C-alpha atoms as a PDB file:
ATOM      1  CA  MET A   1       1.792 -56.768  29.956  1.00  0.00           C
ATOM      2  CA  ASN A   2      -0.760 -58.054  32.480  1.00  0.00           C
ATOM      3  CA  VAL A   3       0.221 -61.432  34.001  1.00  0.00           C
ATOM      4  CA  LYS A   4      -3.331 -62.774  33.817  1.00  0.00           C
ATOM      5  CA  ARG A   5      -3.538 -62.141  30.081  1.00  0.00           C
ATOM      6  CA  ILE A   6      -0.195 -63.875  29.554  1.00  0.00           C
ATOM      7  CA  ALA A   7      -1.458 -66.883  31.498  1.00  0.00           C
ATOM      8  CA  ILE A   8      -4.645 -67.141  29.432  1.00  0.00           C
ATOM      9  CA  ALA A   9      -2.829 -66.709  26.124  1.00  0.00           C
ATOM     10  CA  ALA A  10      -0.135 -69.209  27.141  1.00  0.00           C
ATOM     11  CA  SER A  11      -2.765 -71.765  28.078  1.00  0.00           C
ATOM     12  CA  LEU A  12      -4.514 -71.387  24.747  1.00  0.00           C
ATOM     13  CA  LEU A  13      -1.240 -71.478  22.860  1.00  0.00           C
ATOM     14  CA  GLY A  14      -0.483 -74.806  24.512  1.00  0.00           C
ATOM     15  CA  ILE A  15      -3.624 -76.238  22.937  1.00  0.00           C
ATOM     16  CA  VAL A  16      -2.621 -75.192  19.432  1.00  0.00           C
ATOM     17  CA  SER A  17      -0.532 -78.093  18.165  1.00  0.00           C
ATOM     18  CA  GLY A  18       1.133 -78.191  14.799  1.00  0.00           C
ATOM     19  CA  ILE A  19       0.947 -74.447  14.120  1.00  0.00           C
ATOM     20  CA  PHE A  20       4.019 -72.302  13.712  1.00  0.00           C
ATOM     21  CA  ILE A  21       3.218 -69.095  15.568  1.00  0.00           C
ATOM     22  CA  SER A  22       5.518 -66.119  15.369  1.00  0.00           C
ATOM     23  CA  CYS A  23       5.676 -62.357  15.717  1.00  0.00           C
ATOM     24  CA  THR A  24       8.564 -62.194  13.274  1.00  0.00           C
ATOM     25  CA  ASN A  25       8.702 -62.211   9.500  1.00  0.00           C
ATOM     26  CA  THR A  26       9.841 -65.816   9.163  1.00  0.00           C
ATOM     27  CA  SER A  27       8.837 -67.390   5.863  1.00  0.00           C
ATOM     28  CA  PRO A  28       6.972 -70.693   5.747  1.00  0.00           C
ATOM     29  CA  ASN A  29       8.501 -73.444   3.628  1.00  0.00           C
ATOM     30  CA  ALA A  30       7.564 -73.174   0.005  1.00  0.00           C
ATOM     31  CA  ASN A  31       5.285 -75.806  -1.459  1.00  0.00           C
ATOM     32  CA  THR A  32       5.564 -77.015  -4.983  1.00  0.00           C
ATOM     33  CA  GLY A  33       1.904 -76.992  -5.986  1.00  0.00           C
ATOM     34  CA  LYS A  34       0.944 -74.744  -8.856  1.00  0.00           C
ATOM     35  CA  GLN A  35      -2.035 -72.517  -8.372  1.00  0.00           C
ATOM     36  CA  SER A  36      -4.545 -71.024 -10.776  1.00  0.00           C
ATOM     37  CA  LYS A  37      -6.540 -67.871 -10.176  1.00  0.00           C
ATOM     38  CA  ASP A  38      -9.586 -69.631 -11.620  1.00  0.00           C
ATOM     39  CA  GLY A  39      -9.316 -72.671  -9.381  1.00  0.00           C
ATOM     40  CA  ASN A  40      -8.914 -76.338 -10.262  1.00  0.00           C
ATOM     41  CA  GLN A  41     -11.138 -79.227  -9.229  1.00  0.00           C
ATOM     42  CA  ASN A  42      -8.025 -81.388  -8.898  1.00  0.00           C
ATOM     43  CA  ALA A  43      -6.139 -78.823  -6.833  1.00  0.00           C
ATOM     44  CA  LYS A  44      -5.016 -79.783  -3.348  1.00  0.00           C
ATOM     45  CA  LEU A  45      -4.783 -77.503  -0.357  1.00  0.00           C
ATOM     46  CA  GLN A  46      -1.136 -77.649   0.694  1.00  0.00           C
ATOM     47  CA  SER A  47      -0.597 -74.530   2.756  1.00  0.00           C
ATOM     48  CA  VAL A  48      -2.469 -71.822   4.614  1.00  0.00           C
ATOM     49  CA  GLY A  49      -0.837 -68.607   5.808  1.00  0.00           C
ATOM     50  CA  ILE A  50      -2.583 -66.564   8.488  1.00  0.00           C
ATOM     51  CA  SER A  51      -1.663 -63.041   9.597  1.00  0.00           C
ATOM     52  CA  LEU A  52      -3.544 -61.978  12.734  1.00  0.00           C
ATOM     53  CA  GLY A  53      -3.593 -58.769  14.733  1.00  0.00           C
ATOM     54  CA  ASP A  54      -2.289 -59.765  18.156  1.00  0.00           C
ATOM     55  CA  LEU A  55      -1.571 -63.286  19.415  1.00  0.00           C
ATOM     56  CA  GLY A  56      -1.390 -61.846  22.930  1.00  0.00           C
ATOM     57  CA  ASN A  57      -5.189 -61.619  22.606  1.00  0.00           C
ATOM     58  CA  PRO A  58      -6.831 -65.026  23.283  1.00  0.00           C
ATOM     59  CA  PHE A  59      -9.446 -64.223  20.620  1.00  0.00           C
ATOM     60  CA  PHE A  60      -6.822 -64.572  17.895  1.00  0.00           C
ATOM     61  CA  VAL A  61      -5.336 -67.707  19.445  1.00  0.00           C
ATOM     62  CA  VAL A  62      -8.777 -69.341  19.285  1.00  0.00           C
ATOM     63  CA  MET A  63      -9.091 -68.141  15.692  1.00  0.00           C
ATOM     64  CA  ALA A  64      -5.761 -69.784  14.863  1.00  0.00           C
ATOM     65  CA  GLN A  65      -6.949 -73.046  16.399  1.00  0.00           C
ATOM     66  CA  GLY A  66     -10.119 -73.038  14.298  1.00  0.00           C
ATOM     67  CA  ALA A  67      -8.176 -72.397  11.098  1.00  0.00           C
ATOM     68  CA  GLU A  68      -5.686 -75.169  11.747  1.00  0.00           C
ATOM     69  CA  LYS A  69      -8.342 -77.765  12.546  1.00  0.00           C
ATOM     70  CA  GLU A  70     -10.354 -76.913   9.452  1.00  0.00           C
ATOM     71  CA  ALA A  71      -7.272 -76.898   7.203  1.00  0.00           C
ATOM     72  CA  LYS A  72      -6.329 -80.391   8.402  1.00  0.00           C
ATOM     73  CA  LYS A  73      -9.935 -81.502   7.946  1.00  0.00           C
ATOM     74  CA  VAL A  74     -10.259 -80.376   4.328  1.00  0.00           C
ATOM     75  CA  GLY A  75      -6.667 -80.889   3.184  1.00  0.00           C
ATOM     76  CA  GLY A  76      -5.276 -83.665   5.353  1.00  0.00           C
ATOM     77  CA  ASP A  77      -2.633 -83.820   8.062  1.00  0.00           C
ATOM     78  CA  ASN A  78       0.147 -82.676   5.727  1.00  0.00           C
ATOM     79  CA  VAL A  79      -1.336 -79.220   5.178  1.00  0.00           C
ATOM     80  CA  LYS A  80       1.086 -76.609   6.487  1.00  0.00           C
ATOM     81  CA  VAL A  81      -0.545 -73.889   8.583  1.00  0.00           C
ATOM     82  CA  THR A  82       1.589 -70.873   9.432  1.00  0.00           C
ATOM     83  CA  VAL A  83       0.265 -68.245  11.840  1.00  0.00           C
ATOM     84  CA  VAL A  84       2.019 -64.925  12.377  1.00  0.00           C
ATOM     85  CA  SER A  85       1.128 -61.861  14.421  1.00  0.00           C
ATOM     86  CA  SER A  86       1.371 -58.410  12.877  1.00  0.00           C
ATOM     87  CA  GLY A  87       1.049 -56.641  16.211  1.00  0.00           C
ATOM     88  CA  TYR A  88      -1.063 -54.168  14.207  1.00  0.00           C
ATOM     89  CA  ASP A  89       2.171 -53.081  12.505  1.00  0.00           C
ATOM     90  CA  LEU A  90       1.391 -52.408   8.834  1.00  0.00           C
ATOM     91  CA  ASN A  91       5.002 -52.762   7.646  1.00  0.00           C
ATOM     92  CA  GLN A  92       5.367 -56.083   9.417  1.00  0.00           C
ATOM     93  CA  GLN A  93       2.161 -57.367   7.865  1.00  0.00           C
ATOM     94  CA  PHE A  94       3.416 -56.305   4.411  1.00  0.00           C
ATOM     95  CA  ASN A  95       6.509 -58.444   4.977  1.00  0.00           C
ATOM     96  CA  GLN A  96       4.428 -61.380   6.197  1.00  0.00           C
ATOM     97  CA  ILE A  97       2.265 -61.343   3.081  1.00  0.00           C
ATOM     98  CA  GLU A  98       5.345 -61.115   0.855  1.00  0.00           C
ATOM     99  CA  ASN A  99       6.723 -64.164   2.653  1.00  0.00           C
ATOM    100  CA  PHE A 100       3.484 -66.037   2.032  1.00  0.00           C
ATOM    101  CA  ILE A 101       3.684 -65.106  -1.659  1.00  0.00           C
ATOM    102  CA  ALA A 102       7.299 -66.262  -1.918  1.00  0.00           C
ATOM    103  CA  ALA A 103       6.399 -69.537  -0.195  1.00  0.00           C
ATOM    104  CA  ASN A 104       3.667 -70.226  -2.786  1.00  0.00           C
ATOM    105  CA  THR A 105       1.049 -70.382  -0.032  1.00  0.00           C
ATOM    106  CA  ASN A 106      -2.321 -71.520  -1.412  1.00  0.00           C
ATOM    107  CA  VAL A 107      -4.625 -69.521   0.845  1.00  0.00           C
ATOM    108  CA  ILE A 108      -3.797 -66.368   2.798  1.00  0.00           C
ATOM    109  CA  ILE A 109      -6.153 -65.494   5.643  1.00  0.00           C
ATOM    110  CA  LEU A 110      -5.739 -61.852   6.533  1.00  0.00           C
ATOM    111  CA  ASN A 111      -6.768 -59.943   9.633  1.00  0.00           C
ATOM    112  CA  ALA A 112      -5.719 -56.500   8.445  1.00  0.00           C
ATOM    113  CA  ALA A 113      -3.580 -54.205  10.577  1.00  0.00           C
ATOM    114  CA  ASP A 114      -4.923 -51.282   8.534  1.00  0.00           C
ATOM    115  CA  SER A 115      -7.946 -51.782   6.290  1.00  0.00           C
ATOM    116  CA  LYS A 116      -6.797 -49.276   3.666  1.00  0.00           C
ATOM    117  CA  GLY A 117      -3.030 -49.404   4.087  1.00  0.00           C
ATOM    118  CA  ILE A 118      -2.761 -53.140   3.446  1.00  0.00           C
ATOM    119  CA  ALA A 119      -4.380 -52.884  -0.015  1.00  0.00           C
ATOM    120  CA  PRO A 120      -1.129 -52.875  -2.074  1.00  0.00           C
ATOM    121  CA  ALA A 121       0.035 -56.083  -0.360  1.00  0.00           C
ATOM    122  CA  VAL A 122      -3.330 -57.731  -1.049  1.00  0.00           C
ATOM    123  CA  ASP A 123      -3.159 -56.672  -4.699  1.00  0.00           C
ATOM    124  CA  LYS A 124       0.339 -58.128  -5.002  1.00  0.00           C
ATOM    125  CA  ALA A 125      -0.786 -61.436  -3.515  1.00  0.00           C
ATOM    126  CA  ARG A 126      -3.791 -61.694  -5.834  1.00  0.00           C
ATOM    127  CA  GLN A 127      -1.650 -60.859  -8.861  1.00  0.00           C
ATOM    128  CA  ALA A 128       0.662 -63.696  -7.841  1.00  0.00           C
ATOM    129  CA  GLY A 129      -2.287 -66.071  -7.907  1.00  0.00           C
ATOM    130  CA  ARG A 130      -2.762 -66.386  -4.173  1.00  0.00           C
ATOM    131  CA  ILE A 131      -6.244 -66.672  -2.676  1.00  0.00           C
ATOM    132  CA  VAL A 132      -6.795 -63.961  -0.045  1.00  0.00           C
ATOM    133  CA  ILE A 133      -9.628 -64.203   2.483  1.00  0.00           C
ATOM    134  CA  ALA A 134     -10.140 -61.222   4.789  1.00  0.00           C
ATOM    135  CA  VAL A 135     -11.222 -62.342   8.241  1.00  0.00           C
ATOM    136  CA  ASP A 136     -12.612 -60.458  11.261  1.00  0.00           C
ATOM    137  CA  THR A 137     -12.267 -57.137   9.458  1.00  0.00           C
ATOM    138  CA  ALA A 138     -12.887 -56.097   5.850  1.00  0.00           C
ATOM    139  CA  VAL A 139     -10.157 -54.520   3.749  1.00  0.00           C
ATOM    140  CA  ASP A 140     -10.298 -51.808   1.124  1.00  0.00           C
ATOM    141  CA  ALA A 141      -8.974 -54.129  -1.580  1.00  0.00           C
ATOM    142  CA  ASN A 142     -10.199 -56.755  -4.033  1.00  0.00           C
ATOM    143  CA  VAL A 143      -9.986 -59.882  -1.872  1.00  0.00           C
ATOM    144  CA  ASP A 144     -11.521 -63.219  -2.861  1.00  0.00           C
ATOM    145  CA  ALA A 145     -13.955 -63.170   0.060  1.00  0.00           C
ATOM    146  CA  THR A 146     -14.524 -61.569   3.469  1.00  0.00           C
ATOM    147  CA  VAL A 147     -15.650 -63.389   6.607  1.00  0.00           C
ATOM    148  CA  THR A 148     -16.480 -61.180   9.559  1.00  0.00           C
ATOM    149  CA  THR A 149     -18.716 -60.789  12.531  1.00  0.00           C
ATOM    150  CA  ASN A 150     -21.657 -58.500  11.814  1.00  0.00           C
ATOM    151  CA  ASN A 151     -19.719 -55.665  13.422  1.00  0.00           C
ATOM    152  CA  LEU A 152     -22.370 -53.030  12.758  1.00  0.00           C
ATOM    153  CA  GLN A 153     -24.811 -55.244  14.639  1.00  0.00           C
ATOM    154  CA  ALA A 154     -22.300 -55.658  17.491  1.00  0.00           C
ATOM    155  CA  GLY A 155     -22.159 -51.889  17.960  1.00  0.00           C
ATOM    156  CA  GLU A 156     -25.913 -51.580  17.680  1.00  0.00           C
ATOM    157  CA  VAL A 157     -26.862 -54.232  20.236  1.00  0.00           C
ATOM    158  CA  GLY A 158     -24.178 -53.095  22.678  1.00  0.00           C
ATOM    159  CA  CYS A 159     -25.229 -49.468  22.600  1.00  0.00           C
ATOM    160  CA  GLN A 160     -28.927 -50.267  22.564  1.00  0.00           C
ATOM    161  CA  TYR A 161     -28.274 -51.989  25.878  1.00  0.00           C
ATOM    162  CA  ILE A 162     -26.596 -48.787  27.091  1.00  0.00           C
ATOM    163  CA  ALA A 163     -29.482 -46.624  25.917  1.00  0.00           C
ATOM    164  CA  ASP A 164     -32.084 -48.897  27.494  1.00  0.00           C
ATOM    165  CA  ARG A 165     -30.281 -49.213  30.804  1.00  0.00           C
ATOM    166  CA  LEU A 166     -29.767 -45.442  31.028  1.00  0.00           C
ATOM    167  CA  LYS A 167     -33.363 -44.867  29.891  1.00  0.00           C
ATOM    168  CA  GLY A 168     -32.135 -42.584  27.134  1.00  0.00           C
ATOM    169  CA  LYS A 169     -30.274 -40.097  29.308  1.00  0.00           C
ATOM    170  CA  GLY A 170     -26.635 -39.805  30.422  1.00  0.00           C
ATOM    171  CA  ASN A 171     -22.970 -39.438  29.498  1.00  0.00           C
ATOM    172  CA  VAL A 172     -21.316 -42.098  27.336  1.00  0.00           C
ATOM    173  CA  VAL A 173     -17.683 -42.706  26.398  1.00  0.00           C
ATOM    174  CA  ILE A 174     -16.664 -44.742  23.343  1.00  0.00           C
ATOM    175  CA  VAL A 175     -13.203 -46.274  23.747  1.00  0.00           C
ATOM    176  CA  ASN A 176     -12.062 -46.595  20.129  1.00  0.00           C
ATOM    177  CA  GLY A 177      -9.396 -48.782  18.526  1.00  0.00           C
ATOM    178  CA  PRO A 178      -7.179 -49.417  15.473  1.00  0.00           C
ATOM    179  CA  PRO A 179      -8.325 -47.929  12.127  1.00  0.00           C
ATOM    180  CA  VAL A 180      -9.701 -51.182  10.731  1.00  0.00           C
ATOM    181  CA  ASP A 181     -13.121 -51.817   9.242  1.00  0.00           C
ATOM    182  CA  SER A 182     -14.387 -54.006  12.098  1.00  0.00           C
ATOM    183  CA  VAL A 183     -13.708 -51.283  14.653  1.00  0.00           C
ATOM    184  CA  ILE A 184     -15.148 -48.563  12.420  1.00  0.00           C
ATOM    185  CA  GLN A 185     -18.336 -50.590  11.914  1.00  0.00           C
ATOM    186  CA  ARG A 186     -18.747 -51.194  15.657  1.00  0.00           C
ATOM    187  CA  VAL A 187     -18.393 -47.502  16.399  1.00  0.00           C
ATOM    188  CA  ASN A 188     -20.769 -46.638  13.556  1.00  0.00           C
ATOM    189  CA  GLY A 189     -23.355 -49.058  14.939  1.00  0.00           C
ATOM    190  CA  CYS A 190     -23.015 -47.560  18.401  1.00  0.00           C
ATOM    191  CA  GLN A 191     -23.300 -43.994  17.139  1.00  0.00           C
ATOM    192  CA  LYS A 192     -26.320 -44.926  15.018  1.00  0.00           C
ATOM    193  CA  VAL A 193     -28.202 -46.099  18.100  1.00  0.00           C
ATOM    194  CA  LEU A 194     -27.097 -43.340  20.457  1.00  0.00           C
ATOM    195  CA  SER A 195     -28.035 -40.653  17.908  1.00  0.00           C
ATOM    196  CA  LYS A 196     -31.682 -41.587  18.445  1.00  0.00           C
ATOM    197  CA  TYR A 197     -31.513 -40.340  22.033  1.00  0.00           C
ATOM    198  CA  PRO A 198     -30.939 -36.565  22.279  1.00  0.00           C
ATOM    199  CA  ASP A 199     -30.308 -36.803  26.026  1.00  0.00           C
ATOM    200  CA  LEU A 200     -27.444 -39.248  25.606  1.00  0.00           C
ATOM    201  CA  LYS A 201     -24.192 -37.308  25.258  1.00  0.00           C
ATOM    202  CA  ILE A 202     -21.013 -38.849  23.816  1.00  0.00           C
ATOM    203  CA  LEU A 203     -18.164 -37.325  25.824  1.00  0.00           C
ATOM    204  CA  SER A 204     -15.327 -38.957  23.858  1.00  0.00           C
ATOM    205  CA  GLN A 205     -15.179 -41.248  20.819  1.00  0.00           C
ATOM    206  CA  ASN A 206     -11.792 -40.834  19.135  1.00  0.00           C
ATOM    207  CA  GLN A 207      -9.304 -42.199  21.686  1.00  0.00           C
ATOM    208  CA  ASN A 208      -7.472 -45.234  20.258  1.00  0.00           C
ATOM    209  CA  ALA A 209      -6.872 -47.855  22.943  1.00  0.00           C
ATOM    210  CA  GLU A 210      -5.236 -50.113  20.325  1.00  0.00           C
ATOM    211  CA  GLY A 211      -7.559 -52.995  21.137  1.00  0.00           C
ATOM    212  CA  SER A 212      -5.504 -53.969  24.186  1.00  0.00           C
ATOM    213  CA  ARG A 213      -5.867 -54.110  27.953  1.00  0.00           C
ATOM    214  CA  ASP A 214      -2.927 -51.755  28.430  1.00  0.00           C
ATOM    215  CA  GLY A 215      -4.434 -49.340  25.918  1.00  0.00           C
ATOM    216  CA  GLY A 216      -7.820 -49.434  27.630  1.00  0.00           C
ATOM    217  CA  LEU A 217      -6.155 -48.734  30.975  1.00  0.00           C
ATOM    218  CA  ARG A 218      -4.165 -45.827  29.528  1.00  0.00           C
ATOM    219  CA  VAL A 219      -7.021 -44.197  27.632  1.00  0.00           C
ATOM    220  CA  MET A 220      -9.587 -44.601  30.383  1.00  0.00           C
ATOM    221  CA  SER A 221      -7.241 -43.360  33.090  1.00  0.00           C
ATOM    222  CA  ASN A 222      -6.960 -40.086  31.181  1.00  0.00           C
ATOM    223  CA  LEU A 223     -10.693 -39.893  30.473  1.00  0.00           C
ATOM    224  CA  LEU A 224     -11.526 -40.396  34.149  1.00  0.00           C
ATOM    225  CA  ILE A 225      -9.454 -37.329  34.956  1.00  0.00           C
ATOM    226  CA  THR A 226     -11.111 -35.300  32.196  1.00  0.00           C
ATOM    227  CA  PHE A 227     -14.719 -36.300  32.892  1.00  0.00           C
ATOM    228  CA  PRO A 228     -16.004 -36.394  36.492  1.00  0.00           C
ATOM    229  CA  LYS A 229     -19.375 -37.864  35.469  1.00  0.00           C
ATOM    230  CA  ILE A 230     -19.598 -40.878  33.165  1.00  0.00           C
ATOM    231  CA  ASP A 231     -22.596 -43.199  33.011  1.00  0.00           C
ATOM    232  CA  ALA A 232     -21.523 -45.846  30.489  1.00  0.00           C
ATOM    233  CA  VAL A 233     -18.550 -46.926  28.385  1.00  0.00           C
ATOM    234  CA  PHE A 234     -18.671 -48.761  25.055  1.00  0.00           C
ATOM    235  CA  ALA A 235     -15.327 -50.477  24.373  1.00  0.00           C
ATOM    236  CA  ILE A 236     -14.680 -51.733  20.837  1.00  0.00           C
ATOM    237  CA  ASN A 237     -13.366 -55.048  22.164  1.00  0.00           C
ATOM    238  CA  ASP A 238     -13.129 -56.895  25.455  1.00  0.00           C
ATOM    239  CA  PRO A 239      -9.378 -56.532  26.086  1.00  0.00           C
ATOM    240  CA  SER A 240      -9.704 -52.735  26.007  1.00  0.00           C
ATOM    241  CA  GLY A 241     -12.905 -53.022  28.060  1.00  0.00           C
ATOM    242  CA  VAL A 242     -11.077 -55.020  30.717  1.00  0.00           C
ATOM    243  CA  GLY A 243      -8.461 -52.236  30.739  1.00  0.00           C
ATOM    244  CA  VAL A 244     -11.265 -49.721  31.277  1.00  0.00           C
ATOM    245  CA  ASP A 245     -12.498 -51.786  34.235  1.00  0.00           C
ATOM    246  CA  LEU A 246      -8.986 -51.818  35.700  1.00  0.00           C
ATOM    247  CA  ALA A 247      -8.674 -48.046  35.298  1.00  0.00           C
ATOM    248  CA  ALA A 248     -11.953 -47.563  37.146  1.00  0.00           C
ATOM    249  CA  SER A 249     -10.777 -49.829  39.938  1.00  0.00           C
ATOM    250  CA  GLN A 250      -7.503 -47.930  40.302  1.00  0.00           C
ATOM    251  CA  ALA A 251      -9.339 -44.589  40.338  1.00  0.00           C
ATOM    252  CA  LYS A 252     -11.992 -45.961  42.724  1.00  0.00           C
ATOM    253  CA  ARG A 253     -14.743 -44.978  40.287  1.00  0.00           C
ATOM    254  CA  LYS A 254     -18.015 -46.930  40.251  1.00  0.00           C
ATOM    255  CA  ASP A 255     -20.315 -44.433  38.595  1.00  0.00           C
ATOM    256  CA  PHE A 256     -20.558 -46.196  35.208  1.00  0.00           C
ATOM    257  CA  PHE A 257     -20.874 -49.613  33.543  1.00  0.00           C
ATOM    258  CA  ILE A 258     -18.963 -51.139  30.621  1.00  0.00           C
ATOM    259  CA  VAL A 259     -20.155 -52.850  27.436  1.00  0.00           C
ATOM    260  CA  GLY A 260     -17.636 -54.553  25.143  1.00  0.00           C
ATOM    261  CA  VAL A 261     -17.411 -56.751  22.057  1.00  0.00           C
ATOM    262  CA  ASP A 262     -15.901 -60.261  21.711  1.00  0.00           C
ATOM    263  CA  GLY A 263     -17.217 -62.543  24.431  1.00  0.00           C
ATOM    264  CA  ALA A 264     -13.684 -63.001  25.770  1.00  0.00           C
ATOM    265  CA  PRO A 265     -13.257 -65.327  28.782  1.00  0.00           C
ATOM    266  CA  GLU A 266     -12.140 -62.430  30.984  1.00  0.00           C
ATOM    267  CA  ALA A 267     -15.197 -60.389  30.037  1.00  0.00           C
ATOM    268  CA  ILE A 268     -17.595 -63.279  30.623  1.00  0.00           C
ATOM    269  CA  GLN A 269     -16.026 -63.838  34.042  1.00  0.00           C
ATOM    270  CA  ALA A 270     -16.256 -60.120  34.844  1.00  0.00           C
ATOM    271  CA  ILE A 271     -19.921 -59.937  33.799  1.00  0.00           C
ATOM    272  CA  GLY A 272     -20.663 -62.769  36.203  1.00  0.00           C
ATOM    273  CA  SER A 273     -18.931 -60.964  39.065  1.00  0.00           C
ATOM    274  CA  LYS A 274     -20.847 -58.574  41.306  1.00  0.00           C
ATOM    275  CA  ASP A 275     -17.676 -56.529  41.910  1.00  0.00           C
ATOM    276  CA  SER A 276     -17.011 -55.701  38.232  1.00  0.00           C
ATOM    277  CA  LEU A 277     -18.338 -52.761  36.230  1.00  0.00           C
ATOM    278  CA  TYR A 278     -18.537 -55.025  33.160  1.00  0.00           C
ATOM    279  CA  ALA A 279     -22.215 -55.344  32.263  1.00  0.00           C
ATOM    280  CA  ALA A 280     -22.403 -56.852  28.761  1.00  0.00           C
ATOM    281  CA  THR A 281     -20.490 -57.988  25.691  1.00  0.00           C
ATOM    282  CA  ALA A 282     -21.569 -58.663  22.110  1.00  0.00           C
ATOM    283  CA  THR A 283     -20.052 -62.083  21.523  1.00  0.00           C
ATOM    284  CA  GLN A 284     -18.185 -63.086  18.401  1.00  0.00           C
ATOM    285  CA  ASN A 285     -17.427 -66.623  17.227  1.00  0.00           C
ATOM    286  CA  PRO A 286     -13.710 -66.693  16.306  1.00  0.00           C
ATOM    287  CA  THR A 287     -13.717 -70.434  15.652  1.00  0.00           C
ATOM    288  CA  GLN A 288     -16.604 -70.292  13.200  1.00  0.00           C
ATOM    289  CA  MET A 289     -15.066 -67.243  11.541  1.00  0.00           C
ATOM    290  CA  SER A 290     -11.691 -68.823  10.848  1.00  0.00           C
ATOM    291  CA  LYS A 291     -13.152 -72.232   9.927  1.00  0.00           C
ATOM    292  CA  THR A 292     -15.447 -70.544   7.408  1.00  0.00           C
ATOM    293  CA  ALA A 293     -12.503 -68.597   5.971  1.00  0.00           C
ATOM    294  CA  VAL A 294     -10.559 -71.824   5.379  1.00  0.00           C
ATOM    295  CA  GLN A 295     -13.612 -73.539   3.870  1.00  0.00           C
ATOM    296  CA  VAL A 296     -14.214 -70.648   1.478  1.00  0.00           C
ATOM    297  CA  GLY A 297     -10.526 -70.457   0.534  1.00  0.00           C
ATOM    298  CA  ASN A 298     -10.428 -74.182  -0.184  1.00  0.00           C
ATOM    299  CA  ASP A 299     -13.603 -73.972  -2.268  1.00  0.00           C
ATOM    300  CA  ILE A 300     -12.136 -71.133  -4.342  1.00  0.00           C
ATOM    301  CA  LEU A 301      -8.940 -73.152  -4.814  1.00  0.00           C
ATOM    302  CA  HIS A 302     -11.134 -75.864  -6.331  1.00  0.00           C
ATOM    303  CA  GLY A 303     -12.993 -73.422  -8.565  1.00  0.00           C
ATOM    304  CA  LYS A 304     -16.092 -72.973  -6.390  1.00  0.00           C
ATOM    305  CA  LYS A 305     -16.835 -69.330  -5.678  1.00  0.00           C
ATOM    306  CA  PRO A 306     -18.988 -68.558  -2.611  1.00  0.00           C
ATOM    307  CA  PRO A 307     -22.575 -67.372  -3.244  1.00  0.00           C
ATOM    308  CA  LEU A 308     -21.776 -64.248  -1.218  1.00  0.00           C
ATOM    309  CA  ALA A 309     -18.388 -62.535  -1.196  1.00  0.00           C
ATOM    310  CA  ASN A 310     -19.130 -60.917   2.170  1.00  0.00           C
ATOM    311  CA  ILE A 311     -20.092 -63.428   4.845  1.00  0.00           C
ATOM    312  CA  LEU A 312     -21.462 -61.984   8.089  1.00  0.00           C
ATOM    313  CA  ILE A 313     -21.703 -63.961  11.317  1.00  0.00           C
ATOM    314  CA  PRO A 314     -24.334 -62.636  13.782  1.00  0.00           C
ATOM    315  CA  VAL A 315     -23.593 -61.670  17.384  1.00  0.00           C
ATOM    316  CA  LYS A 316     -25.336 -62.396  20.674  1.00  0.00           C
ATOM    317  CA  LEU A 317     -25.421 -60.013  23.611  1.00  0.00           C
ATOM    318  CA  VAL A 318     -24.302 -61.566  26.886  1.00  0.00           C
ATOM    319  CA  THR A 319     -25.438 -59.761  30.041  1.00  0.00           C
ATOM    320  CA  ARG A 320     -25.712 -60.665  33.702  1.00  0.00           C
ATOM    321  CA  ASP A 321     -29.171 -62.022  32.951  1.00  0.00           C
ATOM    322  CA  ASN A 322     -27.894 -64.750  30.613  1.00  0.00           C
ATOM    323  CA  VAL A 323     -24.168 -65.088  31.401  1.00  0.00           C
ATOM    324  CA  SER A 324     -24.694 -68.300  33.396  1.00  0.00           C
ATOM    325  CA  THR A 325     -25.951 -70.056  30.248  1.00  0.00           C
ATOM    326  CA  SER A 326     -23.407 -68.602  27.824  1.00  0.00           C
ATOM    327  CA  LYS A 327     -20.820 -71.084  26.581  1.00  0.00           C
ATOM    328  CA  GLY A 328     -18.378 -68.470  25.293  1.00  0.00           C
ATOM    329  CA  TRP A 329     -15.620 -69.533  22.904  1.00  0.00           C
END
């Protein structure tokens, strides 16, 4: 794993106080509060269980911070917040959700490792009376609510930037990711825009870089060998985009630019650098996303259903023109 990413993640992890963070299937302590599917105005939020994709990605560490702060705000200092990383391993995430069920966790916040594959675990949790809020990516199951970035919009604004900068003509690579709804929506948004320009050719769009820097480096290293002429790359998130940038540097290729999604600190720094191929990123707001998920879960616990079951948070495109005024996460 890249040393710089470890340093950033470690720094962020140091800020997160009071959260149990693990990549294992350790169960949180059970609470004794009874829970009703229909909610209860006198109910009290006692525990929140959060399963995220990859705590080696600072995006998810920031999301964990937002969830913990909001849980303490709405439920008090005694609320137990347990954060675990699935590592995008479906079986591990199944076990994590079962542990949350066994621990009588009030609200489960789920960043799915597989949007379709996780459905049986979600169904089991709901049947047990747990409140399940999908966050960052939708799931193909009957959750209580979904809080995500407007991922279709993220793909659209990122690839509209590509189309405009290339003036509607050139070779584009889409560096894909895990089979989750957020990634699928970003790619769909990108394809929707690029399809309007007959002189823009998509050279590759199915290579899964697993949403990581190492994956982006691996996938792009192979694509650079396959395709001698590339004009732009759309990466489904910033860690894989940073890996693409590293691959280009190692191959001494400077014939293309990179657009990502997230607004990660590394990407913002790269966009501000004249030496990087990183040109833009569609920023997300992980803090707002996880805080909203906790708020909605707590409201449902108290019998208040949200007006909308699917809550979309808009994105903003950061480029070299506005990076100096972008606050980031």
